[in-house]
C-alpha cells in the first residue's frame, strides 16, 4: 500500500502545483498519477482481503478434516 499512497501524494502535489502555476498539463499528469495511486491502494487492499479469506478457508478445511477423522 505504501507505493500507492506515495503515488497518490505525488500526484496531488503535481495537481496542486499545476493549479497554482496555471499549467493544465501538470494538472492532468498529477490527476492521473493520483488516480493510479488510488488504484494501487485499492488493489493492495483487495489482495490483503483475499489472503485473509484464503487463510480462513484453510482453517475451516483443517476443522473439516479433524471432524472427519473423529467419526
N, C-alpha and C. Protein backbone atom coordinates (compact mmCIF):
# COMPACT_ATOMS: atom_id res chain seq x y z
N UNK A 1 0.81 -1.19 0.00
CA UNK A 1 0.00 0.00 0.00
C UNK A 1 0.86 1.26 0.00
N UNK A 2 2.08 1.12 0.49
CA UNK A 2 2.95 2.29 0.58
C UNK A 2 3.15 2.95 -0.77
N UNK A 3 3.44 2.13 -1.80
CA UNK A 3 3.70 2.70 -3.12
C UNK A 3 2.47 3.44 -3.65
N UNK A 4 1.31 2.90 -3.44
CA UNK A 4 0.10 3.56 -3.90
C UNK A 4 -0.11 4.89 -3.20
N UNK A 5 0.13 4.92 -1.91
CA UNK A 5 -0.03 6.16 -1.15
C UNK A 5 0.99 7.20 -1.61
N UNK A 6 2.20 6.75 -1.89
CA UNK A 6 3.25 7.66 -2.36
C UNK A 6 2.89 8.23 -3.72
N UNK A 7 2.41 7.37 -4.63
CA UNK A 7 2.00 7.83 -5.96
C UNK A 7 0.86 8.83 -5.85
N UNK A 8 -0.10 8.53 -4.99
CA UNK A 8 -1.25 9.42 -4.82
C UNK A 8 -0.80 10.79 -4.30
N UNK A 9 0.07 10.78 -3.31
CA UNK A 9 0.56 12.04 -2.74
C UNK A 9 1.34 12.85 -3.78
N UNK A 10 2.21 12.18 -4.53
CA UNK A 10 2.96 12.88 -5.58
C UNK A 10 2.00 13.48 -6.61
N UNK A 11 1.00 12.72 -6.98
CA UNK A 11 0.03 13.21 -7.95
C UNK A 11 -0.74 14.42 -7.44
N UNK A 12 -1.14 14.37 -6.18
CA UNK A 12 -1.87 15.50 -5.61
C UNK A 12 -1.00 16.75 -5.56
N UNK A 13 0.28 16.57 -5.25
CA UNK A 13 1.20 17.71 -5.25
C UNK A 13 1.33 18.30 -6.65
N UNK A 14 1.53 17.43 -7.64
CA UNK A 14 1.65 17.91 -9.02
C UNK A 14 0.38 18.64 -9.45
N UNK A 15 -0.75 18.07 -9.09
CA UNK A 15 -2.03 18.67 -9.47
C UNK A 15 -2.16 20.07 -8.84
N UNK A 16 -1.80 20.19 -7.60
CA UNK A 16 -1.86 21.49 -6.91
C UNK A 16 -0.90 22.50 -7.52
N UNK A 17 0.32 22.05 -7.78
CA UNK A 17 1.30 22.94 -8.41
C UNK A 17 0.81 23.36 -9.79
N UNK A 18 0.20 22.45 -10.50
CA UNK A 18 -0.36 22.77 -11.81
C UNK A 18 -1.45 23.81 -11.73
N UNK A 19 -2.28 23.72 -10.69
CA UNK A 19 -3.33 24.72 -10.50
C UNK A 19 -2.73 26.08 -10.16
N UNK A 20 -1.74 26.07 -9.25
CA UNK A 20 -1.12 27.33 -8.83
C UNK A 20 -0.40 28.01 -9.99
N UNK A 21 0.27 27.22 -10.81
CA UNK A 21 1.05 27.78 -11.93
C UNK A 21 0.23 27.87 -13.21
N UNK A 22 -1.03 27.52 -13.13
CA UNK A 22 -1.92 27.53 -14.30
C UNK A 22 -1.34 26.69 -15.45
N UNK A 23 -0.94 25.47 -15.07
CA UNK A 23 -0.36 24.53 -16.04
C UNK A 23 -1.30 23.33 -16.17
N UNK A 24 -2.18 23.35 -17.17
CA UNK A 24 -3.16 22.25 -17.30
C UNK A 24 -2.51 20.89 -17.55
N UNK A 25 -1.37 20.87 -18.23
CA UNK A 25 -0.70 19.59 -18.46
C UNK A 25 -0.24 18.98 -17.14
N UNK A 26 0.32 19.79 -16.27
CA UNK A 26 0.78 19.30 -14.97
C UNK A 26 -0.41 18.88 -14.11
N UNK A 27 -1.51 19.61 -14.23
CA UNK A 27 -2.73 19.23 -13.50
C UNK A 27 -3.21 17.86 -13.95
N UNK A 28 -3.27 17.64 -15.27
CA UNK A 28 -3.72 16.34 -15.79
C UNK A 28 -2.77 15.23 -15.36
N UNK A 29 -1.47 15.50 -15.47
CA UNK A 29 -0.49 14.49 -15.08
C UNK A 29 -0.65 14.15 -13.60
N UNK A 30 -0.81 15.17 -12.78
CA UNK A 30 -0.99 14.94 -11.34
C UNK A 30 -2.26 14.17 -11.04
N UNK A 31 -3.32 14.53 -11.73
CA UNK A 31 -4.60 13.83 -11.52
C UNK A 31 -4.48 12.36 -11.90
N UNK A 32 -3.84 12.10 -13.04
CA UNK A 32 -3.66 10.71 -13.48
C UNK A 32 -2.79 9.93 -12.50
N UNK A 33 -1.74 10.57 -12.00
CA UNK A 33 -0.86 9.89 -11.05
C UNK A 33 -1.58 9.63 -9.73
N UNK A 34 -2.38 10.57 -9.30
CA UNK A 34 -3.16 10.39 -8.08
C UNK A 34 -4.15 9.24 -8.24
N UNK A 35 -4.83 9.19 -9.40
CA UNK A 35 -5.77 8.09 -9.67
C UNK A 35 -5.05 6.75 -9.69
N UNK A 36 -3.84 6.72 -10.27
CA UNK A 36 -3.06 5.49 -10.30
C UNK A 36 -2.74 5.04 -8.87
N UNK A 37 -2.32 5.98 -8.03
CA UNK A 37 -2.01 5.65 -6.65
C UNK A 37 -3.22 5.09 -5.91
N UNK A 38 -4.36 5.70 -6.14
CA UNK A 38 -5.61 5.22 -5.52
C UNK A 38 -5.91 3.80 -5.97
N UNK A 39 -5.74 3.54 -7.26
CA UNK A 39 -5.99 2.19 -7.79
C UNK A 39 -5.01 1.18 -7.19
N UNK A 40 -3.76 1.59 -7.02
CA UNK A 40 -2.77 0.69 -6.42
C UNK A 40 -3.14 0.38 -4.97
N UNK A 41 -3.62 1.38 -4.25
CA UNK A 41 -4.04 1.14 -2.86
C UNK A 41 -5.24 0.21 -2.81
N UNK A 42 -6.20 0.42 -3.72
CA UNK A 42 -7.38 -0.46 -3.77
C UNK A 42 -6.97 -1.90 -4.07
N UNK A 43 -6.02 -2.06 -5.00
CA UNK A 43 -5.56 -3.41 -5.36
C UNK A 43 -4.86 -4.07 -4.19
N UNK A 44 -4.05 -3.32 -3.47
CA UNK A 44 -3.34 -3.88 -2.31
C UNK A 44 -4.34 -4.30 -1.23
N UNK A 45 -5.36 -3.48 -1.04
CA UNK A 45 -6.40 -3.81 -0.05
C UNK A 45 -7.14 -5.08 -0.46
N UNK A 46 -7.46 -5.19 -1.74
CA UNK A 46 -8.17 -6.38 -2.23
C UNK A 46 -7.30 -7.63 -2.07
N UNK A 47 -5.99 -7.50 -2.35
CA UNK A 47 -5.09 -8.65 -2.16
C UNK A 47 -5.04 -9.06 -0.70
N UNK A 48 -4.97 -8.09 0.20
CA UNK A 48 -4.93 -8.41 1.63
C UNK A 48 -6.22 -9.10 2.07
N UNK A 49 -7.35 -8.63 1.57
CA UNK A 49 -8.62 -9.26 1.91
C UNK A 49 -8.69 -10.68 1.36
N UNK A 50 -8.20 -10.87 0.15
CA UNK A 50 -8.20 -12.21 -0.45
C UNK A 50 -7.33 -13.16 0.36
N UNK A 51 -6.17 -12.68 0.78
CA UNK A 51 -5.27 -13.52 1.59
C UNK A 51 -5.92 -13.88 2.91
N UNK A 52 -6.65 -12.94 3.51
CA UNK A 52 -7.34 -13.22 4.77
C UNK A 52 -8.43 -14.28 4.56
N UNK A 53 -9.15 -14.18 3.46
CA UNK A 53 -10.20 -15.17 3.16
C UNK A 53 -9.58 -16.55 2.91
N UNK A 54 -8.45 -16.57 2.21
CA UNK A 54 -7.78 -17.85 1.96
C UNK A 54 -7.32 -18.48 3.27
N UNK A 55 -6.80 -17.68 4.18
CA UNK A 55 -6.36 -18.21 5.47
C UNK A 55 -7.55 -18.76 6.25
N UNK A 56 -8.67 -18.05 6.21
CA UNK A 56 -9.87 -18.51 6.90
C UNK A 56 -10.36 -19.82 6.30
N UNK A 57 -10.29 -19.93 4.98
CA UNK A 57 -10.72 -21.16 4.31
C UNK A 57 -9.82 -22.33 4.71
N UNK A 58 -8.52 -22.09 4.84
CA UNK A 58 -7.60 -23.15 5.27
C UNK A 58 -7.92 -23.61 6.68
N UNK A 59 -8.27 -22.69 7.55
CA UNK A 59 -8.64 -23.06 8.92
C UNK A 59 -9.90 -23.92 8.89
N UNK A 60 -10.88 -23.50 8.12
CA UNK A 60 -12.13 -24.28 8.02
C UNK A 60 -11.88 -25.66 7.42
N UNK A 61 -10.98 -25.73 6.45
CA UNK A 61 -10.64 -27.02 5.85
C UNK A 61 -9.99 -27.93 6.88
N UNK A 62 -9.10 -27.39 7.69
CA UNK A 62 -8.46 -28.18 8.74
C UNK A 62 -9.50 -28.65 9.76
N UNK A 63 -10.45 -27.79 10.10
CA UNK A 63 -11.52 -28.17 11.03
C UNK A 63 -12.35 -29.30 10.44
N UNK A 64 -12.63 -29.22 9.16
CA UNK A 64 -13.42 -30.25 8.49
C UNK A 64 -12.67 -31.58 8.52
N UNK A 65 -11.38 -31.55 8.22
CA UNK A 65 -10.58 -32.77 8.22
C UNK A 65 -10.55 -33.40 9.63
N UNK A 66 -10.43 -32.56 10.64
CA UNK A 66 -10.42 -33.08 12.01
C UNK A 66 -11.77 -33.73 12.35
N UNK A 67 -12.84 -33.09 11.93
CA UNK A 67 -14.18 -33.62 12.20
C UNK A 67 -14.37 -34.96 11.49
N UNK A 68 -13.85 -35.08 10.27
CA UNK A 68 -13.99 -36.33 9.53
C UNK A 68 -13.17 -37.44 10.17
N UNK A 69 -12.04 -37.12 10.73
CA UNK A 69 -11.19 -38.14 11.37
C UNK A 69 -11.78 -38.66 12.67
N UNK A 70 -12.60 -37.86 13.33
CA UNK A 70 -13.17 -38.27 14.62
C UNK A 70 -14.47 -39.03 14.48
N UNK A 71 -14.87 -39.34 13.29
CA UNK A 71 -16.11 -40.09 13.07
C UNK A 71 -15.95 -41.52 13.52
